Amino acid sequence: MSRLAEVFAADRRTALVAYVTVGYPSVEATLEVVPRLVEGGCDIIELGIPFSDPLADGATIQKASHQALESGVTPSVCLDVAAQLSRTVDVPLVFMSYYNPILHRGVERFCDGCVRSGVDGLIVPDLPPDEADELDTAACSHGMDLICLLAPTATKRRIELAAERSRGFLYLVSLTGVTGAREKLSEGLEDFVERVRDVTRLPLCVGFGISTPAQAAQVGRIADGVIIGSRILSLMEADPSLAEVRHFVSEVRLALDSQDPLMCG
């Protein structure tokens, strides 16, 4: 069983997944915030590799990615940061990268570097599951989980393909659009989760647009995990001391545990 699979093992709490862009607002900030996130109750850390054309991301993550690139953050830097973090925190680390940086480095070389750096999984939002043979083979041979994304518009066949390809968990996009904090969740989210559950037993994590503890709790009632990114980056920008980030994550953890029957005795 992979470390990601262990997070979702029987009798475990609803998983909290936190996303940060590596190098935003600095490499030092990334190294500092990740332990704070884990202390606050995060179960998985998603490390975003900066890319010049992040099509799936909204303004907040685009800005973070641009600033990190301007500061000289490369995939090599991200691997080094992951290696340092893997010695600091005892939770799975997942890289979120667009396919171009992986292809440019070389798929096999990239996966080898990931394993050496303690990375447990890969999320590649612009790589469809039916075109992921090379990366899937390389990731599998290195013992890493490839995690596919599904949008609410996914057909049953697309859901089946993503489920067949994915390991660890499936990433469900809560809405049609890009990342970013939202005032409310999509009205069709529950139906979407149910459609995917009809096809696979893989754990389902929902991301995009979740920005409050209440929204996280709402998602936690229907999914196995909650993914939050843009809100965390905004708090990092607003409060360089990272106290607000730690407080926010703790509130989300409390909200998830309060609605989780496993945690309510």
C-alpha atoms as a PDB file:
ATOM      1  CA  MET A   1       0.000   0.000   0.000  1.00  0.00           C
ATOM      2  CA  SER A   2       1.386   3.412  -0.974  1.00  0.00           C
ATOM      3  CA  ARG A   3       1.711   6.229   1.529  1.00  0.00           C
ATOM      4  CA  LEU A   4      -1.124   8.044  -0.215  1.00  0.00           C
ATOM      5  CA  ALA A   5      -3.355   4.990   0.027  1.00  0.00           C
ATOM      6  CA  GLU A   6      -2.572   4.761   3.738  1.00  0.00           C
ATOM      7  CA  VAL A   7      -4.012   8.245   4.259  1.00  0.00           C
ATOM      8  CA  PHE A   8      -7.395   6.950   3.114  1.00  0.00           C
ATOM      9  CA  ALA A   9      -7.241   3.582   4.862  1.00  0.00           C
ATOM     10  CA  ALA A  10     -10.232   2.372   6.888  1.00  0.00           C
ATOM     11  CA  ASP A  11     -11.181   4.337   9.986  1.00  0.00           C
ATOM     12  CA  ARG A  12      -9.172   7.369   8.990  1.00  0.00           C
ATOM     13  CA  ARG A  13     -10.456  10.931   9.107  1.00  0.00           C
ATOM     14  CA  THR A  14     -11.420  13.001   6.071  1.00  0.00           C
ATOM     15  CA  ALA A  15      -8.138  13.941   4.409  1.00  0.00           C
ATOM     16  CA  LEU A  16      -7.068  17.581   4.211  1.00  0.00           C
ATOM     17  CA  VAL A  17      -4.799  18.343   1.257  1.00  0.00           C
ATOM     18  CA  ALA A  18      -2.994  21.696   1.118  1.00  0.00           C
ATOM     19  CA  TYR A  19      -1.530  23.167  -2.062  1.00  0.00           C
ATOM     20  CA  VAL A  20       1.388  25.620  -2.147  1.00  0.00           C
ATOM     21  CA  THR A  21       3.405  26.883  -5.090  1.00  0.00           C
ATOM     22  CA  VAL A  22       7.062  26.048  -4.552  1.00  0.00           C
ATOM     23  CA  GLY A  23       9.044  29.260  -4.189  1.00  0.00           C
ATOM     24  CA  TYR A  24       6.117  31.558  -3.440  1.00  0.00           C
ATOM     25  CA  PRO A  25       6.683  34.060  -2.053  1.00  0.00           C
ATOM     26  CA  SER A  26      10.138  32.496  -1.545  1.00  0.00           C
ATOM     27  CA  VAL A  27      11.741  29.102  -1.211  1.00  0.00           C
ATOM     28  CA  GLU A  28      12.288  29.856   2.461  1.00  0.00           C
ATOM     29  CA  ALA A  29       8.567  30.538   2.884  1.00  0.00           C
ATOM     30  CA  THR A  30       7.714  27.178   1.290  1.00  0.00           C
ATOM     31  CA  LEU A  31      10.075  25.381   3.638  1.00  0.00           C
ATOM     32  CA  GLU A  32       8.525  27.205   6.577  1.00  0.00           C
ATOM     33  CA  VAL A  33       4.837  26.952   5.689  1.00  0.00           C
ATOM     34  CA  VAL A  34       4.656  23.226   4.948  1.00  0.00           C
ATOM     35  CA  PRO A  35       5.485  22.153   8.535  1.00  0.00           C
ATOM     36  CA  ARG A  36       2.914  24.706   9.746  1.00  0.00           C
ATOM     37  CA  LEU A  37       0.303  23.146   7.467  1.00  0.00           C
ATOM     38  CA  VAL A  38       1.069  19.682   8.788  1.00  0.00           C
ATOM     39  CA  GLU A  39       0.947  20.920  12.380  1.00  0.00           C
ATOM     40  CA  GLY A  40      -2.460  22.416  11.611  1.00  0.00           C
ATOM     41  CA  GLY A  41      -3.824  19.064  10.495  1.00  0.00           C
ATOM     42  CA  CYS A  42      -3.003  18.570   6.801  1.00  0.00           C
ATOM     43  CA  ASP A  43      -2.617  14.963   5.689  1.00  0.00           C
ATOM     44  CA  ILE A  44      -1.097  15.508   2.230  1.00  0.00           C
ATOM     45  CA  ILE A  45       0.940  18.389   0.808  1.00  0.00           C
ATOM     46  CA  GLU A  46       0.594  19.274  -2.867  1.00  0.00           C
ATOM     47  CA  LEU A  47       3.651  21.127  -4.160  1.00  0.00           C
ATOM     48  CA  GLY A  48       3.049  23.148  -7.305  1.00  0.00           C
ATOM     49  CA  ILE A  49       5.916  23.336  -9.808  1.00  0.00           C
ATOM     50  CA  PRO A  50       5.798  26.857 -11.304  1.00  0.00           C
ATOM     51  CA  PHE A  51       4.920  26.989 -14.996  1.00  0.00           C
ATOM     52  CA  SER A  52       4.634  29.891 -17.410  1.00  0.00           C
ATOM     53  CA  ASP A  53       1.211  28.927 -18.791  1.00  0.00           C
ATOM     54  CA  PRO A  54      -0.859  27.333 -15.990  1.00  0.00           C
ATOM     55  CA  LEU A  55      -4.141  26.986 -17.874  1.00  0.00           C
ATOM     56  CA  ALA A  56      -6.066  25.253 -15.071  1.00  0.00           C
ATOM     57  CA  ASP A  57      -5.185  27.883 -12.482  1.00  0.00           C
ATOM     58  CA  GLY A  58      -6.883  31.119 -11.553  1.00  0.00           C
ATOM     59  CA  ALA A  59      -5.352  34.507 -10.793  1.00  0.00           C
ATOM     60  CA  THR A  60      -3.971  33.639  -7.349  1.00  0.00           C
ATOM     61  CA  ILE A  61      -1.962  30.599  -8.412  1.00  0.00           C
ATOM     62  CA  GLN A  62      -0.982  32.229 -11.714  1.00  0.00           C
ATOM     63  CA  LYS A  63       0.490  35.124  -9.770  1.00  0.00           C
ATOM     64  CA  ALA A  64       2.314  32.807  -7.396  1.00  0.00           C
ATOM     65  CA  SER A  65       3.693  30.752 -10.274  1.00  0.00           C
ATOM     66  CA  HIS A  66       4.861  33.857 -12.147  1.00  0.00           C
ATOM     67  CA  GLN A  67       6.604  35.275  -9.085  1.00  0.00           C
ATOM     68  CA  ALA A  68       8.319  31.972  -8.357  1.00  0.00           C
ATOM     69  CA  LEU A  69       9.560  31.742 -11.950  1.00  0.00           C
ATOM     70  CA  GLU A  70      10.830  35.318 -11.764  1.00  0.00           C
ATOM     71  CA  SER A  71      12.777  34.285  -8.650  1.00  0.00           C
ATOM     72  CA  GLY A  72      14.458  31.467 -10.554  1.00  0.00           C
ATOM     73  CA  VAL A  73      12.463  28.493  -9.266  1.00  0.00           C
ATOM     74  CA  THR A  74      12.977  25.564 -11.630  1.00  0.00           C
ATOM     75  CA  PRO A  75      11.972  21.882 -11.462  1.00  0.00           C
ATOM     76  CA  SER A  76      15.442  21.197 -10.037  1.00  0.00           C
ATOM     77  CA  VAL A  77      14.793  23.690  -7.253  1.00  0.00           C
ATOM     78  CA  CYS A  78      11.410  22.060  -6.611  1.00  0.00           C
ATOM     79  CA  LEU A  79      13.048  18.650  -6.297  1.00  0.00           C
ATOM     80  CA  ASP A  80      15.540  20.067  -3.816  1.00  0.00           C
ATOM     81  CA  VAL A  81      12.744  21.680  -1.792  1.00  0.00           C
ATOM     82  CA  ALA A  82      10.790  18.410  -1.778  1.00  0.00           C
ATOM     83  CA  ALA A  83      13.877  16.560  -0.574  1.00  0.00           C
ATOM     84  CA  GLN A  84      14.278  18.978   2.327  1.00  0.00           C
ATOM     85  CA  LEU A  85      10.585  18.764   3.215  1.00  0.00           C
ATOM     86  CA  SER A  86      10.522  14.968   3.082  1.00  0.00           C
ATOM     87  CA  ARG A  87      13.080  14.998   5.880  1.00  0.00           C
ATOM     88  CA  THR A  88      11.019  17.486   7.880  1.00  0.00           C
ATOM     89  CA  VAL A  89       7.396  16.311   7.663  1.00  0.00           C
ATOM     90  CA  ASP A  90       5.913  12.835   7.855  1.00  0.00           C
ATOM     91  CA  VAL A  91       3.078  13.166   5.345  1.00  0.00           C
ATOM     92  CA  PRO A  92       2.932  12.272   1.640  1.00  0.00           C
ATOM     93  CA  LEU A  93       4.176  14.888  -0.818  1.00  0.00           C
ATOM     94  CA  VAL A  94       2.582  15.228  -4.260  1.00  0.00           C
ATOM     95  CA  PHE A  95       3.911  17.301  -7.143  1.00  0.00           C
ATOM     96  CA  MET A  96       1.403  19.230  -9.249  1.00  0.00           C
ATOM     97  CA  SER A  97       3.056  19.986 -12.586  1.00  0.00           C
ATOM     98  CA  TYR A  98       2.009  20.699 -16.116  1.00  0.00           C
ATOM     99  CA  TYR A  99       3.391  18.190 -18.580  1.00  0.00           C
ATOM    100  CA  ASN A 100       5.815  20.487 -20.395  1.00  0.00           C
ATOM    101  CA  PRO A 101       8.369  20.743 -17.535  1.00  0.00           C
ATOM    102  CA  ILE A 102       8.232  16.958 -17.069  1.00  0.00           C
ATOM    103  CA  LEU A 103       8.731  16.302 -20.784  1.00  0.00           C
ATOM    104  CA  HIS A 104      11.515  18.874 -20.996  1.00  0.00           C
ATOM    105  CA  ARG A 105      13.417  17.236 -18.158  1.00  0.00           C
ATOM    106  CA  GLY A 106      12.711  13.732 -19.454  1.00  0.00           C
ATOM    107  CA  VAL A 107       9.913  11.583 -18.071  1.00  0.00           C
ATOM    108  CA  GLU A 108      12.175   8.867 -16.658  1.00  0.00           C
ATOM    109  CA  ARG A 109      14.663  11.340 -15.222  1.00  0.00           C
ATOM    110  CA  PHE A 110      11.876  13.389 -13.657  1.00  0.00           C
ATOM    111  CA  CYS A 111      10.280  10.387 -11.965  1.00  0.00           C
ATOM    112  CA  ASP A 112      13.647   9.184 -10.701  1.00  0.00           C
ATOM    113  CA  GLY A 113      14.295  12.627  -9.228  1.00  0.00           C
ATOM    114  CA  CYS A 114      10.883  12.625  -7.579  1.00  0.00           C
ATOM    115  CA  VAL A 115      11.503   9.346  -5.807  1.00  0.00           C
ATOM    116  CA  ARG A 116      14.956  10.448  -4.672  1.00  0.00           C
ATOM    117  CA  SER A 117      13.328  13.601  -3.259  1.00  0.00           C
ATOM    118  CA  GLY A 118      10.632  11.712  -1.345  1.00  0.00           C
ATOM    119  CA  VAL A 119       7.700  12.603  -3.621  1.00  0.00           C
ATOM    120  CA  ASP A 120       4.830  10.101  -3.445  1.00  0.00           C
ATOM    121  CA  GLY A 121       2.587  11.144  -6.316  1.00  0.00           C
ATOM    122  CA  LEU A 122       2.034  13.286  -9.409  1.00  0.00           C
ATOM    123  CA  ILE A 123      -0.880  15.433 -10.568  1.00  0.00           C
ATOM    124  CA  VAL A 124      -0.652  16.656 -14.171  1.00  0.00           C
ATOM    125  CA  PRO A 125      -3.766  18.699 -15.040  1.00  0.00           C
ATOM    126  CA  ASP A 126      -3.077  19.050 -18.772  1.00  0.00           C
ATOM    127  CA  LEU A 127      -2.352  15.363 -19.405  1.00  0.00           C
ATOM    128  CA  PRO A 128      -5.503  13.372 -20.278  1.00  0.00           C
ATOM    129  CA  PRO A 129      -5.562   9.842 -18.840  1.00  0.00           C
ATOM    130  CA  ASP A 130      -5.716   8.270 -22.305  1.00  0.00           C
ATOM    131  CA  GLU A 131      -2.464  10.048 -23.259  1.00  0.00           C
ATOM    132  CA  ALA A 132      -0.548   9.290 -20.055  1.00  0.00           C
ATOM    133  CA  ASP A 133       0.965   5.900 -20.933  1.00  0.00           C
ATOM    134  CA  GLU A 134       4.605   7.013 -20.801  1.00  0.00           C
ATOM    135  CA  LEU A 135       4.312   8.947 -17.562  1.00  0.00           C
ATOM    136  CA  ASP A 136       2.137   6.283 -15.948  1.00  0.00           C
ATOM    137  CA  THR A 137       4.645   3.562 -16.800  1.00  0.00           C
ATOM    138  CA  ALA A 138       7.547   5.598 -15.432  1.00  0.00           C
ATOM    139  CA  ALA A 139       5.689   6.637 -12.280  1.00  0.00           C
ATOM    140  CA  CYS A 140       4.550   3.074 -11.618  1.00  0.00           C
ATOM    141  CA  SER A 141       8.053   1.663 -12.084  1.00  0.00           C
ATOM    142  CA  HIS A 142       9.296   4.129  -9.475  1.00  0.00           C
ATOM    143  CA  GLY A 143       6.515   3.332  -7.023  1.00  0.00           C
ATOM    144  CA  MET A 144       4.713   6.656  -7.406  1.00  0.00           C
ATOM    145  CA  ASP A 145       0.976   7.278  -7.679  1.00  0.00           C
ATOM    146  CA  LEU A 146      -0.351   9.081 -10.746  1.00  0.00           C
ATOM    147  CA  ILE A 147      -3.470  11.060  -9.836  1.00  0.00           C
ATOM    148  CA  CYS A 148      -5.894  12.044 -12.593  1.00  0.00           C
ATOM    149  CA  LEU A 149      -8.308  14.965 -12.550  1.00  0.00           C
ATOM    150  CA  LEU A 150     -11.977  14.804 -13.445  1.00  0.00           C
ATOM    151  CA  ALA A 151     -14.207  17.750 -14.297  1.00  0.00           C
ATOM    152  CA  PRO A 152     -17.979  17.823 -13.646  1.00  0.00           C
ATOM    153  CA  THR A 153     -18.525  17.481 -17.395  1.00  0.00           C
ATOM    154  CA  ALA A 154     -16.732  14.091 -17.501  1.00  0.00           C
ATOM    155  CA  THR A 155     -18.566  11.306 -19.294  1.00  0.00           C
ATOM    156  CA  LYS A 156     -18.835   7.834 -17.795  1.00  0.00           C
ATOM    157  CA  ARG A 157     -16.106   6.629 -20.173  1.00  0.00           C
ATOM    158  CA  ARG A 158     -13.801   9.466 -19.108  1.00  0.00           C
ATOM    159  CA  ILE A 159     -14.449   8.615 -15.460  1.00  0.00           C
ATOM    160  CA  GLU A 160     -13.616   4.961 -16.164  1.00  0.00           C
ATOM    161  CA  LEU A 161     -10.369   5.931 -17.925  1.00  0.00           C
ATOM    162  CA  ALA A 162      -9.290   8.216 -15.093  1.00  0.00           C
ATOM    163  CA  ALA A 163     -10.143   5.594 -12.480  1.00  0.00           C
ATOM    164  CA  GLU A 164      -8.197   2.910 -14.359  1.00  0.00           C
ATOM    165  CA  ARG A 165      -5.153   5.177 -14.597  1.00  0.00           C
ATOM    166  CA  SER A 166      -5.182   6.701 -11.111  1.00  0.00           C
ATOM    167  CA  ARG A 167      -3.589   5.433  -7.929  1.00  0.00           C
ATOM    168  CA  GLY A 168      -3.767   6.991  -4.480  1.00  0.00           C
ATOM    169  CA  PHE A 169      -6.902   9.026  -5.126  1.00  0.00           C
ATOM    170  CA  LEU A 170      -8.924  10.755  -7.834  1.00  0.00           C
ATOM    171  CA  TYR A 171      -8.921  14.555  -7.978  1.00  0.00           C
ATOM    172  CA  LEU A 172     -12.442  15.862  -8.618  1.00  0.00           C
ATOM    173  CA  VAL A 173     -12.682  19.435  -9.860  1.00  0.00           C
ATOM    174  CA  SER A 174     -15.631  20.984  -8.043  1.00  0.00           C
ATOM    175  CA  LEU A 175     -16.642  23.264 -10.917  1.00  0.00           C
ATOM    176  CA  THR A 176     -16.132  23.991 -14.577  1.00  0.00           C
ATOM    177  CA  GLY A 177     -13.386  26.600 -14.609  1.00  0.00           C
ATOM    178  CA  VAL A 178     -10.045  27.400 -13.027  1.00  0.00           C
ATOM    179  CA  THR A 179      -8.742  27.315  -9.479  1.00  0.00           C
ATOM    180  CA  GLY A 180      -9.566  30.120  -7.050  1.00  0.00           C
ATOM    181  CA  ALA A 181     -11.578  30.872  -3.932  1.00  0.00           C
ATOM    182  CA  ARG A 182     -15.357  30.970  -4.415  1.00  0.00           C
ATOM    183  CA  GLU A 183     -18.214  32.243  -2.270  1.00  0.00           C
ATOM    184  CA  LYS A 184     -20.215  29.051  -2.742  1.00  0.00           C
ATOM    185  CA  LEU A 185     -19.774  25.553  -4.080  1.00  0.00           C
ATOM    186  CA  SER A 186     -21.295  24.150  -7.240  1.00  0.00           C
ATOM    187  CA  GLU A 187     -24.881  22.985  -6.807  1.00  0.00           C
ATOM    188  CA  GLY A 188     -24.179  19.855  -8.833  1.00  0.00           C
ATOM    189  CA  LEU A 189     -21.161  18.741  -6.793  1.00  0.00           C
ATOM    190  CA  GLU A 190     -22.917  16.001  -4.835  1.00  0.00           C
ATOM    191  CA  ASP A 191     -24.346  14.456  -7.997  1.00  0.00           C
ATOM    192  CA  PHE A 192     -20.885  14.575  -9.587  1.00  0.00           C
ATOM    193  CA  VAL A 193     -19.296  12.763  -6.635  1.00  0.00           C
ATOM    194  CA  GLU A 194     -22.040  10.129  -6.725  1.00  0.00           C
ATOM    195  CA  ARG A 195     -21.496   9.549 -10.452  1.00  0.00           C
ATOM    196  CA  VAL A 196     -17.805   8.891  -9.855  1.00  0.00           C
ATOM    197  CA  ARG A 197     -18.483   6.638  -6.839  1.00  0.00           C
ATOM    198  CA  ASP A 198     -20.673   4.493  -9.057  1.00  0.00           C
ATOM    199  CA  VAL A 199     -17.592   3.713 -11.153  1.00  0.00           C
ATOM    200  CA  THR A 200     -14.677   3.356  -8.714  1.00  0.00           C
ATOM    201  CA  ARG A 201     -13.701   2.580  -5.143  1.00  0.00           C
ATOM    202  CA  LEU A 202     -10.743   4.946  -5.284  1.00  0.00           C
ATOM    203  CA  PRO A 203     -10.771   7.712  -2.652  1.00  0.00           C
ATOM    204  CA  LEU A 204     -12.240  10.937  -4.043  1.00  0.00           C
ATOM    205  CA  CYS A 205     -10.734  14.324  -3.182  1.00  0.00           C
ATOM    206  CA  VAL A 206     -12.445  17.551  -4.220  1.00  0.00           C
ATOM    207  CA  GLY A 207     -10.601  20.754  -5.043  1.00  0.00           C
ATOM    208  CA  PHE A 208     -11.025  24.128  -6.817  1.00  0.00           C
ATOM    209  CA  GLY A 209     -12.954  26.902  -5.097  1.00  0.00           C
ATOM    210  CA  ILE A 210     -12.928  25.710  -1.475  1.00  0.00           C
ATOM    211  CA  SER A 211     -12.015  28.661   0.713  1.00  0.00           C
ATOM    212  CA  THR A 212     -13.790  28.418   4.104  1.00  0.00           C
ATOM    213  CA  PRO A 213     -14.059  25.836   6.901  1.00  0.00           C
ATOM    214  CA  ALA A 214     -17.806  25.604   6.254  1.00  0.00           C
ATOM    215  CA  GLN A 215     -17.260  24.792   2.586  1.00  0.00           C
ATOM    216  CA  ALA A 216     -14.632  22.221   3.530  1.00  0.00           C
ATOM    217  CA  ALA A 217     -17.054  20.548   5.939  1.00  0.00           C
ATOM    218  CA  GLN A 218     -19.738  20.517   3.248  1.00  0.00           C
ATOM    219  CA  VAL A 219     -17.373  18.760   0.844  1.00  0.00           C
ATOM    220  CA  GLY A 220     -16.136  16.444   3.579  1.00  0.00           C
ATOM    221  CA  ARG A 221     -19.626  15.013   3.997  1.00  0.00           C
ATOM    222  CA  ILE A 222     -19.570  13.596   0.480  1.00  0.00           C
ATOM    223  CA  ALA A 223     -15.865  13.145  -0.360  1.00  0.00           C
ATOM    224  CA  ASP A 224     -12.849  11.398   1.142  1.00  0.00           C
ATOM    225  CA  GLY A 225     -10.648  14.457   1.004  1.00  0.00           C
ATOM    226  CA  VAL A 226     -10.671  18.232   0.595  1.00  0.00           C
ATOM    227  CA  ILE A 227      -8.041  20.169  -1.389  1.00  0.00           C
ATOM    228  CA  ILE A 228      -7.372  23.851  -0.652  1.00  0.00           C
ATOM    229  CA  GLY A 229      -4.832  26.026  -2.460  1.00  0.00           C
ATOM    230  CA  SER A 230      -5.712  29.570  -3.476  1.00  0.00           C
ATOM    231  CA  ARG A 231      -6.960  30.539  -0.037  1.00  0.00           C
ATOM    232  CA  ILE A 232      -3.725  29.344   1.547  1.00  0.00           C
ATOM    233  CA  LEU A 233      -1.619  31.326  -0.927  1.00  0.00           C
ATOM    234  CA  SER A 234      -3.702  34.451  -0.279  1.00  0.00           C
ATOM    235  CA  LEU A 235      -3.172  34.110   3.473  1.00  0.00           C
ATOM    236  CA  MET A 236       0.554  33.634   2.961  1.00  0.00           C
ATOM    237  CA  GLU A 237       0.667  36.894   1.030  1.00  0.00           C
ATOM    238  CA  ALA A 238      -1.451  38.760   3.587  1.00  0.00           C
ATOM    239  CA  ASP A 239       0.476  37.512   6.634  1.00  0.00           C
ATOM    240  CA  PRO A 240       4.169  36.679   6.071  1.00  0.00           C
ATOM    241  CA  SER A 241       4.380  35.413   9.670  1.00  0.00           C
ATOM    242  CA  LEU A 242       2.154  32.504   8.518  1.00  0.00           C
ATOM    243  CA  ALA A 243       0.117  32.664  11.715  1.00  0.00           C
ATOM    244  CA  GLU A 244      -3.086  33.177   9.726  1.00  0.00           C
ATOM    245  CA  VAL A 245      -2.350  30.158   7.553  1.00  0.00           C
ATOM    246  CA  ARG A 246      -1.812  27.957  10.595  1.00  0.00           C
ATOM    247  CA  HIS A 247      -5.016  29.266  12.201  1.00  0.00           C
ATOM    248  CA  PHE A 248      -7.065  28.779   9.032  1.00  0.00           C
ATOM    249  CA  VAL A 249      -5.882  25.211   8.492  1.00  0.00           C
ATOM    250  CA  SER A 250      -6.619  24.367  12.126  1.00  0.00           C
ATOM    251  CA  GLU A 251     -10.161  25.712  11.696  1.00  0.00           C
ATOM    252  CA  VAL A 252     -10.652  23.624   8.556  1.00  0.00           C
ATOM    253  CA  ARG A 253      -9.345  20.535  10.334  1.00  0.00           C
ATOM    254  CA  LEU A 254     -11.757  21.147  13.218  1.00  0.00           C
ATOM    255  CA  ALA A 255     -14.676  21.633  10.815  1.00  0.00           C
ATOM    256  CA  LEU A 256     -13.870  18.384   9.013  1.00  0.00           C
ATOM    257  CA  ASP A 257     -13.470  16.418  12.227  1.00  0.00           C
ATOM    258  CA  SER A 258     -16.673  17.827  13.690  1.00  0.00           C
ATOM    259  CA  GLN A 259     -18.752  16.540  10.801  1.00  0.00           C
ATOM    260  CA  ASP A 260     -16.883  13.258  10.446  1.00  0.00           C
ATOM    261  CA  PRO A 261     -18.809  10.484  12.244  1.00  0.00           C
ATOM    262  CA  LEU A 262     -15.547   8.624  12.767  1.00  0.00           C
ATOM    263  CA  MET A 263     -14.336  11.525  14.870  1.00  0.00           C
ATOM    264  CA  CYS A 264     -17.546  12.106  16.795  1.00  0.00           C
ATOM    265  CA  GLY A 265     -17.644   8.879  18.784  1.00  0.00           C
END
